[in-house]
PDB file of N, CA and C in Angstrom:
ATOM      1  N   MET A   1     -38.973  51.198 -68.522  1.00  0.00           N
ATOM      2  CA  MET A   1     -37.530  51.343 -68.350  1.00  0.00           C
ATOM      3  C   MET A   1     -36.829  51.444 -69.704  1.00  0.00           C
ATOM      4  N   TYR A   2     -37.184  50.537 -70.625  1.00  0.00           N
ATOM      5  CA  TYR A   2     -36.490  50.498 -71.912  1.00  0.00           C
ATOM      6  C   TYR A   2     -36.664  51.767 -72.751  1.00  0.00           C
ATOM      7  N   PRO A   3     -37.897  52.297 -72.912  1.00  0.00           N
ATOM      8  CA  PRO A   3     -38.039  53.497 -73.760  1.00  0.00           C
ATOM      9  C   PRO A   3     -37.224  54.683 -73.273  1.00  0.00           C
ATOM     10  N   LYS A   4     -37.119  54.870 -71.949  1.00  0.00           N
ATOM     11  CA  LYS A   4     -36.325  55.983 -71.408  1.00  0.00           C
ATOM     12  C   LYS A   4     -34.862  55.826 -71.803  1.00  0.00           C
ATOM     13  N   VAL A   5     -34.338  54.608 -71.665  1.00  0.00           N
ATOM     14  CA  VAL A   5     -32.925  54.379 -71.989  1.00  0.00           C
ATOM     15  C   VAL A   5     -32.690  54.595 -73.476  1.00  0.00           C
ATOM     16  N   ILE A   6     -33.624  54.107 -74.318  1.00  0.00           N
ATOM     17  CA  ILE A   6     -33.476  54.270 -75.766  1.00  0.00           C
ATOM     18  C   ILE A   6     -33.523  55.754 -76.129  1.00  0.00           C
ATOM     19  N   LEU A   7     -34.469  56.511 -75.516  1.00  0.00           N
ATOM     20  CA  LEU A   7     -34.567  57.945 -75.802  1.00  0.00           C
ATOM     21  C   LEU A   7     -33.298  58.665 -75.360  1.00  0.00           C
ATOM     22  N   ARG A   8     -32.765  58.281 -74.195  1.00  0.00           N
ATOM     23  CA  ARG A   8     -31.554  58.935 -73.703  1.00  0.00           C
ATOM     24  C   ARG A   8     -30.375  58.640 -74.628  1.00  0.00           C
ATOM     25  N   SER A   9     -30.278  57.390 -75.093  1.00  0.00           N
ATOM     26  CA  SER A   9     -29.166  57.042 -75.980  1.00  0.00           C
ATOM     27  C   SER A   9     -29.311  57.742 -77.321  1.00  0.00           C
ATOM     28  N   ILE A  10     -30.558  57.892 -77.816  1.00  0.00           N
ATOM     29  CA  ILE A  10     -30.763  58.620 -79.073  1.00  0.00           C
ATOM     30  C   ILE A  10     -30.422  60.100 -78.884  1.00  0.00           C
ATOM     31  N   GLY A  11     -30.782  60.656 -77.709  1.00  0.00           N
ATOM     32  CA  GLY A  11     -30.425  62.045 -77.417  1.00  0.00           C
ATOM     33  C   GLY A  11     -28.918  62.228 -77.368  1.00  0.00           C
ATOM     34  N   GLY A  12     -28.217  61.278 -76.747  1.00  0.00           N
ATOM     35  CA  GLY A  12     -26.760  61.341 -76.743  1.00  0.00           C
ATOM     36  C   GLY A  12     -26.197  61.172 -78.141  1.00  0.00           C
ATOM     37  N   PHE A  13     -26.874  60.342 -78.936  1.00  0.00           N
ATOM     38  CA  PHE A  13     -26.443  60.087 -80.317  1.00  0.00           C
ATOM     39  C   PHE A  13     -26.521  61.358 -81.158  1.00  0.00           C
ATOM     40  N   PHE A  14     -27.605  62.153 -80.974  1.00  0.00           N
ATOM     41  CA  PHE A  14     -27.737  63.388 -81.743  1.00  0.00           C
ATOM     42  C   PHE A  14     -26.959  64.542 -81.121  1.00  0.00           C
ATOM     43  N   GLY A  15     -26.751  64.509 -79.799  1.00  0.00           N
ATOM     44  CA  GLY A  15     -26.082  65.620 -79.134  1.00  0.00           C
ATOM     45  C   GLY A  15     -24.577  65.560 -79.199  1.00  0.00           C
ATOM     46  N   SER A  16     -24.020  64.479 -79.723  1.00  0.00           N
ATOM     47  CA  SER A  16     -22.563  64.311 -79.701  1.00  0.00           C
ATOM     48  C   SER A  16     -21.958  64.455 -81.091  1.00  0.00           C
ATOM     49  N   PHE A  17     -22.537  65.359 -81.919  1.00  0.00           N
ATOM     50  CA  PHE A  17     -21.955  65.590 -83.241  1.00  0.00           C
ATOM     51  C   PHE A  17     -20.630  66.347 -83.152  1.00  0.00           C
ATOM     52  N   SER A  18     -20.396  67.044 -82.018  1.00  0.00           N
ATOM     53  CA  SER A  18     -19.195  67.873 -81.902  1.00  0.00           C
ATOM     54  C   SER A  18     -17.938  67.008 -81.822  1.00  0.00           C
ATOM     55  N   SER A  19     -17.988  65.943 -81.022  1.00  0.00           N
ATOM     56  CA  SER A  19     -16.802  65.092 -80.900  1.00  0.00           C
ATOM     57  C   SER A  19     -17.077  63.741 -81.551  1.00  0.00           C
ATOM     58  N   ASN A  20     -16.123  63.271 -82.302  1.00  0.00           N
ATOM     59  CA  ASN A  20     -16.318  62.083 -83.119  1.00  0.00           C
ATOM     60  C   ASN A  20     -16.344  60.811 -82.275  1.00  0.00           C
ATOM     61  N   ALA A  21     -15.501  60.734 -81.239  1.00  0.00           N
ATOM     62  CA  ALA A  21     -15.378  59.510 -80.460  1.00  0.00           C
ATOM     63  C   ALA A  21     -16.669  59.230 -79.691  1.00  0.00           C
ATOM     64  N   SER A  22     -17.229  60.252 -79.049  1.00  0.00           N
ATOM     65  CA  SER A  22     -18.465  60.043 -78.295  1.00  0.00           C
ATOM     66  C   SER A  22     -19.623  59.762 -79.248  1.00  0.00           C
ATOM     67  N   PHE A  23     -19.559  60.308 -80.472  1.00  0.00           N
ATOM     68  CA  PHE A  23     -20.580  60.035 -81.488  1.00  0.00           C
ATOM     69  C   PHE A  23     -20.590  58.548 -81.830  1.00  0.00           C
ATOM     70  N   ILE A  24     -19.406  57.998 -82.069  1.00  0.00           N
ATOM     71  CA  ILE A  24     -19.307  56.571 -82.411  1.00  0.00           C
ATOM     72  C   ILE A  24     -19.748  55.729 -81.219  1.00  0.00           C
ATOM     73  N   PHE A  25     -19.295  56.117 -80.018  1.00  0.00           N
ATOM     74  CA  PHE A  25     -19.635  55.346 -78.825  1.00  0.00           C
ATOM     75  C   PHE A  25     -21.138  55.347 -78.580  1.00  0.00           C
ATOM     76  N   SER A  26     -21.769  56.516 -78.702  1.00  0.00           N
ATOM     77  CA  SER A  26     -23.210  56.596 -78.447  1.00  0.00           C
ATOM     78  C   SER A  26     -23.988  55.846 -79.523  1.00  0.00           C
ATOM     79  N   PHE A  27     -23.493  55.865 -80.764  1.00  0.00           N
ATOM     80  CA  PHE A  27     -24.156  55.116 -81.835  1.00  0.00           C
ATOM     81  C   PHE A  27     -24.122  53.624 -81.534  1.00  0.00           C
ATOM     82  N   ILE A  28     -22.933  53.121 -81.133  1.00  0.00           N
ATOM     83  CA  ILE A  28     -22.800  51.698 -80.803  1.00  0.00           C
ATOM     84  C   ILE A  28     -23.673  51.363 -79.599  1.00  0.00           C
ATOM     85  N   PHE A  29     -23.680  52.250 -78.596  1.00  0.00           N
ATOM     86  CA  PHE A  29     -24.448  52.004 -77.371  1.00  0.00           C
ATOM     87  C   PHE A  29     -25.942  51.958 -77.663  1.00  0.00           C
ATOM     88  N   SER A  30     -26.436  52.913 -78.468  1.00  0.00           N
ATOM     89  CA  SER A  30     -27.868  52.931 -78.788  1.00  0.00           C
ATOM     90  C   SER A  30     -28.234  51.721 -79.635  1.00  0.00           C
ATOM     91  N   PHE A  31     -27.375  51.353 -80.573  1.00  0.00           N
ATOM     92  CA  PHE A  31     -27.639  50.174 -81.400  1.00  0.00           C
ATOM     93  C   PHE A  31     -27.689  48.923 -80.534  1.00  0.00           C
ATOM     94  N   PHE A  32     -26.759  48.818 -79.562  1.00  0.00           N
ATOM     95  CA  PHE A  32     -26.724  47.658 -78.669  1.00  0.00           C
ATOM     96  C   PHE A  32     -27.987  47.585 -77.825  1.00  0.00           C
ATOM     97  N   ILE A  33     -28.445  48.721 -77.287  1.00  0.00           N
ATOM     98  CA  ILE A  33     -29.643  48.738 -76.439  1.00  0.00           C
ATOM     99  C   ILE A  33     -30.871  48.355 -77.259  1.00  0.00           C
ATOM    100  N   ILE A  34     -31.004  48.919 -78.459  1.00  0.00           N
ATOM    101  CA  ILE A  34     -32.179  48.629 -79.283  1.00  0.00           C
ATOM    102  C   ILE A  34     -32.174  47.168 -79.702  1.00  0.00           C
ATOM    103  N   SER A  35     -31.005  46.643 -80.086  1.00  0.00           N
ATOM    104  CA  SER A  35     -30.946  45.250 -80.524  1.00  0.00           C
ATOM    105  C   SER A  35     -31.219  44.311 -79.348  1.00  0.00           C
ATOM    106  N   SER A  36     -30.714  44.641 -78.148  1.00  0.00           N
ATOM    107  CA  SER A  36     -30.965  43.771 -76.998  1.00  0.00           C
ATOM    108  C   SER A  36     -32.441  43.787 -76.620  1.00  0.00           C
ATOM    109  N   SER A  37     -33.097  44.956 -76.720  1.00  0.00           N
ATOM    110  CA  SER A  37     -34.527  45.001 -76.413  1.00  0.00           C
ATOM    111  C   SER A  37     -35.312  44.211 -77.454  1.00  0.00           C
ATOM    112  N   PHE A  38     -34.899  44.290 -78.738  1.00  0.00           N
ATOM    113  CA  PHE A  38     -35.558  43.493 -79.773  1.00  0.00           C
ATOM    114  C   PHE A  38     -35.385  42.011 -79.488  1.00  0.00           C
ATOM    115  N   ILE A  39     -34.183  41.614 -79.058  1.00  0.00           N
ATOM    116  CA  ILE A  39     -33.931  40.199 -78.760  1.00  0.00           C
ATOM    117  C   ILE A  39     -34.809  39.763 -77.593  1.00  0.00           C
ATOM    118  N   PHE A  40     -34.917  40.600 -76.546  1.00  0.00           N
ATOM    119  CA  PHE A  40     -35.749  40.242 -75.393  1.00  0.00           C
ATOM    120  C   PHE A  40     -37.206  40.095 -75.794  1.00  0.00           C
ATOM    121  N   PHE A  41     -37.681  40.914 -76.762  1.00  0.00           N
ATOM    122  CA  PHE A  41     -39.066  40.792 -77.215  1.00  0.00           C
ATOM    123  C   PHE A  41     -39.234  39.612 -78.156  1.00  0.00           C
ATOM    124  N   LEU A  42     -38.224  39.320 -78.987  1.00  0.00           N
ATOM    125  CA  LEU A  42     -38.389  38.326 -80.048  1.00  0.00           C
ATOM    126  C   LEU A  42     -38.200  36.902 -79.555  1.00  0.00           C
ATOM    127  N   ILE A  43     -37.358  36.674 -78.535  1.00  0.00           N
ATOM    128  CA  ILE A  43     -37.106  35.298 -78.085  1.00  0.00           C
ATOM    129  C   ILE A  43     -38.395  34.621 -77.628  1.00  0.00           C
ATOM    130  N   PRO A  44     -39.214  35.219 -76.735  1.00  0.00           N
ATOM    131  CA  PRO A  44     -40.448  34.528 -76.334  1.00  0.00           C
ATOM    132  C   PRO A  44     -41.415  34.354 -77.492  1.00  0.00           C
ATOM    133  N   PHE A  45     -41.533  35.372 -78.365  1.00  0.00           N
ATOM    134  CA  PHE A  45     -42.470  35.265 -79.484  1.00  0.00           C
ATOM    135  C   PHE A  45     -42.042  34.161 -80.437  1.00  0.00           C
ATOM    136  N   SER A  46     -40.754  34.079 -80.758  1.00  0.00           N
ATOM    137  CA  SER A  46     -40.283  33.045 -81.677  1.00  0.00           C
ATOM    138  C   SER A  46     -40.456  31.666 -81.043  1.00  0.00           C
ATOM    139  N   PHE A  47     -40.228  31.568 -79.725  1.00  0.00           N
ATOM    140  CA  PHE A  47     -40.416  30.286 -79.038  1.00  0.00           C
ATOM    141  C   PHE A  47     -41.872  29.851 -79.116  1.00  0.00           C
ATOM    142  N   ILE A  48     -42.805  30.791 -78.855  1.00  0.00           N
ATOM    143  CA  ILE A  48     -44.238  30.467 -78.895  1.00  0.00           C
ATOM    144  C   ILE A  48     -44.649  30.070 -80.306  1.00  0.00           C
ATOM    145  N   PHE A  49     -44.192  30.838 -81.312  1.00  0.00           N
ATOM    146  CA  PHE A  49     -44.575  30.537 -82.695  1.00  0.00           C
ATOM    147  C   PHE A  49     -44.032  29.183 -83.124  1.00  0.00           C
ATOM    148  N   SER A  50     -42.778  28.875 -82.788  1.00  0.00           N
ATOM    149  CA  SER A  50     -42.211  27.584 -83.177  1.00  0.00           C
ATOM    150  C   SER A  50     -42.920  26.452 -82.453  1.00  0.00           C
ATOM    151  N   PHE A  51     -43.311  26.672 -81.197  1.00  0.00           N
ATOM    152  CA  PHE A  51     -44.024  25.649 -80.432  1.00  0.00           C
ATOM    153  C   PHE A  51     -45.382  25.362 -81.059  1.00  0.00           C
ATOM    154  N   ILE A  52     -46.124  26.429 -81.433  1.00  0.00           N
ATOM    155  CA  ILE A  52     -47.437  26.258 -82.065  1.00  0.00           C
ATOM    156  C   ILE A  52     -47.276  25.557 -83.410  1.00  0.00           C
ATOM    157  N   PHE A  53     -46.285  25.971 -84.191  1.00  0.00           N
ATOM    158  CA  PHE A  53     -46.061  25.357 -85.500  1.00  0.00           C
ATOM    159  C   PHE A  53     -45.713  23.882 -85.339  1.00  0.00           C
ATOM    160  N   PHE A  54     -44.871  23.563 -84.339  1.00  0.00           N
ATOM    161  CA  PHE A  54     -44.489  22.171 -84.085  1.00  0.00           C
ATOM    162  C   PHE A  54     -45.706  21.346 -83.701  1.00  0.00           C
ATOM    163  N   LEU A  55     -46.569  21.897 -82.829  1.00  0.00           N
ATOM    164  CA  LEU A  55     -47.764  21.159 -82.407  1.00  0.00           C
ATOM    165  C   LEU A  55     -48.690  20.913 -83.594  1.00  0.00           C
ATOM    166  N   ARG A  56     -48.915  21.940 -84.417  1.00  0.00           N
ATOM    167  CA  ARG A  56     -49.804  21.785 -85.572  1.00  0.00           C
ATOM    168  C   ARG A  56     -49.234  20.759 -86.541  1.00  0.00           C
ATOM    169  N   ASN A  57     -47.947  20.837 -86.793  1.00  0.00           N
ATOM    170  CA  ASN A  57     -47.304  19.921 -87.722  1.00  0.00           C
ATOM    171  C   ASN A  57     -47.352  18.495 -87.176  1.00  0.00           C
ATOM    172  N   HIS A  58     -47.120  18.349 -85.884  1.00  0.00           N
ATOM    173  CA  HIS A  58     -47.112  17.030 -85.242  1.00  0.00           C
ATOM    174  C   HIS A  58     -48.493  16.382 -85.329  1.00  0.00           C
ATOM    175  N   SER A  59     -49.539  17.135 -84.998  1.00  0.00           N
ATOM    176  CA  SER A  59     -50.893  16.577 -85.051  1.00  0.00           C
ATOM    177  C   SER A  59     -51.264  16.248 -86.494  1.00  0.00           C
ATOM    178  N   TYR A  60     -50.825  17.064 -87.446  1.00  0.00           N
ATOM    179  CA  TYR A  60     -51.139  16.816 -88.859  1.00  0.00           C
ATOM    180  C   TYR A  60     -50.483  15.518 -89.332  1.00  0.00           C
ATOM    181  N   THR A  61     -49.222  15.294 -88.949  1.00  0.00           N
ATOM    182  CA  THR A  61     -48.543  14.065 -89.368  1.00  0.00           C
ATOM    183  C   THR A  61     -49.185  12.853 -88.699  1.00  0.00           C
ATOM    184  N   GLN A  62     -49.620  12.980 -87.461  1.00  0.00           N
ATOM    185  CA  GLN A  62     -50.288  11.856 -86.795  1.00  0.00           C
ATOM    186  C   GLN A  62     -51.594  11.513 -87.509  1.00  0.00           C
ATOM    187  N   LYS A  63     -52.359  12.520 -87.931  1.00  0.00           N
ATOM    188  CA  LYS A  63     -53.602  12.267 -88.663  1.00  0.00           C
ATOM    189  C   LYS A  63     -53.312  11.568 -89.983  1.00  0.00           C
ATOM    190  N   LYS A  64     -52.268  11.989 -90.667  1.00  0.00           N
ATOM    191  CA  LYS A  64     -51.912  11.357 -91.945  1.00  0.00           C
ATOM    192  C   LYS A  64     -51.534   9.897 -91.718  1.00  0.00           C
ATOM    193  N   ILE A  65     -50.798   9.616 -90.655  1.00  0.00           N
ATOM    194  CA  ILE A  65     -50.394   8.235 -90.360  1.00  0.00           C
ATOM    195  C   ILE A  65     -51.631   7.392 -90.080  1.00  0.00           C
ATOM    196  N   GLN A  66     -52.578   7.928 -89.322  1.00  0.00           N
ATOM    197  CA  GLN A  66     -53.807   7.184 -89.024  1.00  0.00           C
ATOM    198  C   GLN A  66     -54.606   6.941 -90.297  1.00  0.00           C
ATOM    199  N   GLN A  67     -54.655   7.905 -91.198  1.00  0.00           N
ATOM    200  CA  GLN A  67     -55.399   7.732 -92.447  1.00  0.00           C
ATOM    201  C   GLN A  67     -54.752   6.659 -93.316  1.00  0.00           C
ATOM    202  N   THR A  68     -53.430   6.624 -93.357  1.00  0.00           N
ATOM    203  CA  THR A  68     -52.765   5.632 -94.200  1.00  0.00           C
ATOM    204  C   THR A  68     -52.902   4.235 -93.599  1.00  0.00           C
ATOM    205  N   GLN A  69     -52.985   4.127 -92.286  1.00  0.00           N
ATOM    206  CA  GLN A  69     -53.152   2.812 -91.657  1.00  0.00           C
ATOM    207  C   GLN A  69     -54.524   2.225 -91.970  1.00  0.00           C
ATOM    208  N   LYS A  70     -55.532   3.094 -92.062  1.00  0.00           N
ATOM    209  CA  LYS A  70     -56.871   2.603 -92.420  1.00  0.00           C
ATOM    210  C   LYS A  70     -56.864   2.128 -93.879  1.00  0.00           C
TER     211      LYS A  70
END
């Protein structure tokens, strides 16, 4: 679904050089679609990466605490 919409917005972006208002509108629209798709892809990845980093950091600090107690 997303690639078709992005291609259509890019086509509108290049096809609207004749009128300035539709050019600006299509540019904003294509930028909004691309940024929203990037956000939809990046939110789960950033959540997973932060979760893994938190787990690794948490286990590392627990090991350090156990070593210092000994």
